[in-house]
Protein backbone atom coordinates (compact mmCIF):
# COMPACT_ATOMS: atom_id res chain seq x y z
CA MET A 1 -34.12 3.96 34.51
CA SER A 2 -32.29 1.37 32.69
CA ALA A 3 -28.96 1.72 30.56
CA ARG A 4 -30.37 0.30 27.50
CA ASN A 5 -33.37 2.14 25.29
CA SER A 6 -36.96 0.03 25.43
CA ASP A 7 -39.37 0.04 22.58
CA LYS A 8 -40.94 2.99 24.44
CA GLN A 9 -38.18 4.85 26.57
CA TYR A 10 -34.66 6.02 25.91
CA GLY A 11 -32.37 4.99 28.53
CA TRP A 12 -29.85 7.26 30.76
CA VAL A 13 -26.78 6.29 28.19
CA ALA A 14 -28.35 7.64 25.21
CA ILE A 15 -29.65 10.90 27.24
CA VAL A 16 -26.53 11.61 29.25
CA LEU A 17 -24.87 11.30 26.15
CA HIS A 18 -27.57 13.37 23.69
CA TRP A 19 -27.79 16.08 26.74
CA PHE A 20 -23.95 16.31 27.32
CA MET A 21 -22.93 16.48 23.37
CA ALA A 22 -25.87 18.62 22.06
CA PRO A 23 -24.68 22.26 24.28
CA ALA A 24 -21.08 21.39 23.34
CA ILE A 25 -21.42 21.08 19.96
CA ILE A 26 -23.31 24.68 19.88
CA GLY A 27 -20.62 25.72 22.17
CA MET A 28 -18.15 24.43 20.04
CA PHE A 29 -19.67 25.98 16.59
CA ALA A 30 -19.82 29.49 18.95
CA LEU A 31 -16.15 29.24 19.64
CA GLY A 32 -15.20 28.80 15.99
CA TRP A 33 -17.34 31.80 15.09
CA TRP A 34 -15.77 33.86 17.78
CA MET A 35 -11.79 33.05 17.14
CA ARG A 36 -12.49 34.20 13.25
CA GLN A 37 -13.25 37.63 14.91
CA LEU A 38 -9.86 37.55 16.67
CA SER A 39 -6.86 40.03 15.79
CA TYR A 40 -3.69 38.19 15.52
CA TYR A 41 -2.42 40.15 18.85
CA ASP A 42 -5.31 39.20 20.73
CA PRO A 43 -4.29 36.50 23.54
CA TRP A 44 -7.21 34.45 22.86
CA TYR A 45 -5.95 33.79 19.07
CA ARG A 46 -3.90 31.10 19.84
CA GLN A 47 -5.47 29.70 22.94
CA GLY A 48 -9.26 29.47 21.22
CA PRO A 49 -8.05 26.82 18.52
CA GLU A 50 -5.86 25.02 21.14
CA LEU A 51 -9.10 24.87 23.16
CA HIS A 52 -11.22 24.25 19.80
CA LYS A 53 -9.09 20.84 18.87
CA GLY A 54 -8.97 19.45 21.90
CA ILE A 55 -12.62 19.71 22.40
CA GLY A 56 -13.04 18.46 18.83
CA ILE A 57 -11.25 15.40 19.30
CA LEU A 58 -12.94 14.55 22.69
CA LEU A 59 -16.31 14.99 20.89
CA LEU A 60 -15.50 12.61 18.21
CA GLY A 61 -14.41 9.88 20.44
CA LEU A 62 -17.83 10.32 22.23
CA LEU A 63 -19.53 10.58 18.65
CA LEU A 64 -18.20 7.00 17.53
CA PHE A 65 -19.04 5.63 20.80
CA ARG A 66 -22.39 6.99 20.63
CA LEU A 67 -22.69 5.50 16.85
CA LEU A 68 -21.72 2.06 17.88
CA TRP A 69 -23.98 2.33 21.30
CA LYS A 70 -27.07 3.16 18.61
CA LEU A 71 -26.15 0.31 16.61
CA ALA A 72 -26.14 -2.06 19.41
CA ASN A 73 -29.24 -0.58 20.73
CA PRO A 74 -31.76 0.85 18.67
CA SER A 75 -34.06 3.88 19.25
CA PRO A 76 -37.36 3.57 20.74
CA ALA A 77 -40.37 3.31 17.92
CA ALA A 78 -41.77 6.84 17.21
CA ALA A 79 -44.76 8.31 19.50
CA ALA A 80 -48.17 7.13 18.68
CA ASN A 81 -50.04 8.82 15.88
CA THR A 82 -46.81 9.94 14.33
CA PRO A 83 -47.68 10.09 10.78
CA ARG A 84 -45.28 7.58 8.92
CA TRP A 85 -43.64 10.41 6.53
CA GLN A 86 -42.84 12.37 10.17
CA ALA A 87 -41.05 9.49 11.38
CA LEU A 88 -39.36 8.48 7.99
CA ALA A 89 -38.30 12.11 8.05
CA ALA A 90 -37.01 12.71 11.68
CA ARG A 91 -34.32 9.29 11.08
CA ALA A 92 -33.09 10.87 7.85
CA ALA A 93 -32.44 13.82 9.92
CA HIS A 94 -30.79 11.93 12.49
CA GLY A 95 -28.84 10.43 10.01
CA VAL A 96 -27.82 13.41 8.22
CA ILE A 97 -26.63 15.28 11.80
CA TYR A 98 -24.40 12.32 12.39
CA LEU A 99 -22.70 12.06 8.80
CA LEU A 100 -22.59 16.28 9.37
CA LEU A 101 -21.00 15.58 12.76
CA LEU A 102 -18.25 13.30 11.02
CA ALA A 103 -17.61 15.19 8.10
CA ILE A 104 -17.01 18.33 10.33
CA MET A 105 -14.69 16.67 12.60
CA CYS A 106 -12.83 14.85 9.87
CA SER A 107 -12.01 18.33 8.21
CA GLY A 108 -11.31 19.91 11.22
CA TYR A 109 -8.64 17.73 11.50
CA LEU A 110 -7.55 18.38 8.03
CA ILE A 111 -7.15 21.65 8.94
CA SER A 112 -5.68 21.05 12.41
CA THR A 113 -2.78 18.56 10.94
CA ALA A 114 -2.25 20.26 7.48
CA ASP A 115 1.06 21.27 8.26
CA GLY A 116 2.28 18.20 9.50
CA ARG A 117 1.99 18.58 13.47
CA PRO A 118 0.29 16.54 15.67
CA ILE A 119 -2.86 17.96 17.47
CA ASP A 120 -2.30 18.13 21.37
CA VAL A 121 -5.56 16.63 23.35
CA PHE A 122 -4.71 18.85 27.20
CA GLY A 123 -1.57 17.31 27.27
CA TRP A 124 -3.05 14.33 28.19
CA PHE A 125 -2.48 12.59 24.78
CA SER A 126 -1.46 14.00 20.89
CA VAL A 127 -3.03 12.68 17.58
CA PRO A 128 -0.67 12.09 14.96
CA ALA A 129 -1.14 14.12 11.48
CA THR A 130 -1.69 11.15 9.05
CA ILE A 131 -2.74 13.00 5.75
CA GLN A 132 -1.13 16.02 5.07
CA GLY A 133 0.52 17.86 1.83
CA PHE A 134 -2.78 18.38 -0.38
CA ALA A 135 -2.49 21.50 -2.39
CA ASN A 136 -4.26 24.26 -0.30
CA GLN A 137 -5.44 21.49 2.24
CA GLU A 138 -5.95 23.85 5.20
CA ASP A 139 -7.91 26.17 3.02
CA ILE A 140 -10.33 24.12 1.62
CA ALA A 141 -10.89 21.78 4.66
CA GLY A 142 -11.36 25.20 6.42
CA GLU A 143 -14.32 26.08 3.85
CA ILE A 144 -15.61 22.54 3.99
CA HIS A 145 -15.60 22.89 7.45
CA GLU A 146 -17.72 25.96 7.65
CA ILE A 147 -19.94 25.13 5.46
CA LEU A 148 -20.96 22.02 6.97
CA ALA A 149 -20.82 23.77 10.61
CA TRP A 150 -23.61 26.31 9.29
CA THR A 151 -25.52 23.43 7.59
CA LEU A 152 -25.82 21.52 10.75
CA MET A 153 -26.44 24.50 13.46
CA ALA A 154 -29.67 24.77 10.92
CA LEU A 155 -30.46 20.99 11.05
CA VAL A 156 -30.13 21.32 14.83
CA ALA A 157 -32.48 24.09 15.30
CA LEU A 158 -35.14 22.36 12.68
CA HIS A 159 -34.35 19.50 15.59
CA ALA A 160 -35.15 21.94 18.27
CA LEU A 161 -38.30 23.27 16.40
CA ALA A 162 -39.61 19.56 16.15
CA ALA A 163 -39.16 18.40 19.47
CA LEU A 164 -41.28 21.55 20.66
CA LYS A 165 -43.91 20.98 18.24
CA HIS A 166 -44.50 17.17 19.65
CA HIS A 167 -44.27 18.34 23.29
CA PHE A 168 -46.67 21.57 22.66
CA PHE A 169 -48.95 20.68 19.70
CA ASP A 170 -48.98 16.94 19.10
CA ARG A 171 -49.04 16.72 23.13
CA ASP A 172 -47.16 13.32 22.76
CA ALA A 173 -43.82 12.03 24.51
CA THR A 174 -41.04 12.79 21.92
CA LEU A 175 -39.42 15.37 24.70
CA ARG A 176 -40.28 13.77 27.85
CA ARG A 177 -38.11 10.55 26.85
CA MET A 178 -35.65 12.15 25.89
CA LEU A 179 -35.18 14.16 28.88
CA GLY A 180 -35.45 11.13 30.39
CA LEU A 181 -39.14 12.15 32.25
CA ARG A 182 -41.36 9.00 32.73
CA THR A 183 -44.12 8.84 29.81
CA LYS A 184 -47.68 8.58 30.50
CA ALA A 185 -47.58 4.82 28.42
CA ALA A 186 -45.00 3.96 30.67
CA SER A 187 -46.26 5.30 33.86
CA SER A 188 -49.36 3.12 32.56
CA ASP A 189 -47.85 0.04 32.27
CA ASN A 190 -46.40 0.76 35.85
CA HIS A 191 -49.73 1.07 37.35
CA SER A 192 -51.27 -1.80 35.55
CA GLN A 193 -48.08 -4.28 36.58
CA THR A 194 -48.55 -2.90 40.29
CA ARG A 195 -52.27 -3.30 39.79
CA ALA A 196 -51.49 -7.05 38.92
CA THR A 197 -48.68 -8.01 41.51
CA LEU A 198 -51.16 -6.69 44.25
CA SER A 199 -54.21 -9.12 42.65
CA SER A 200 -51.76 -11.67 43.23
CA VAL A 201 -50.36 -11.46 46.43
CA THR A 202 -54.61 -10.30 47.65
CA ALA A 203 -55.49 -13.88 45.58
CA THR A 204 -52.65 -15.72 47.75
CA THR A 205 -53.01 -14.35 51.05
CA THR A 206 -57.32 -15.12 50.95
CA LYS A 207 -57.21 -19.15 49.84
């Protein structure tokens, strides 16, 4: 499998980024929800946020790389027979998901650095506080962070349902190619190339 996308198939870089980030982001949502249930004396009351912030910064780095990769490496075309409105809706949903992720991570940064302290990322490096001092910065950014996180989860659920619809009802290659599985079209192309190669070799040897 190629690292880059083709017009029919995702490359392994896009596939790895998608399937690494998707569960990590869902896990971050679950961690954030769980942290809100902790009492002041719970041992995870401080450890949970530190873990959440560290993973968040790493995911932000991956997201920026993924956006750059997407710009330099366009996604495959929609599966055959996909209505135009569905293809446009899917592209719009992907764009909104990327914007939500950026906004969630930026609001998380504003929460974490509201007191002027940098974000420590597992002792590897720290991200300085560059924007702080706004009135009620932590509270306002926290409310935005929560609303956007729930909105993102709703879109992620819709995205997953759409992928299952494509696979089980439309029976097209949308989900298979995001899983890195060979599509029927790709298999047919490879079989055609193989037959053409064998025919060429046979013709050469019979001369």
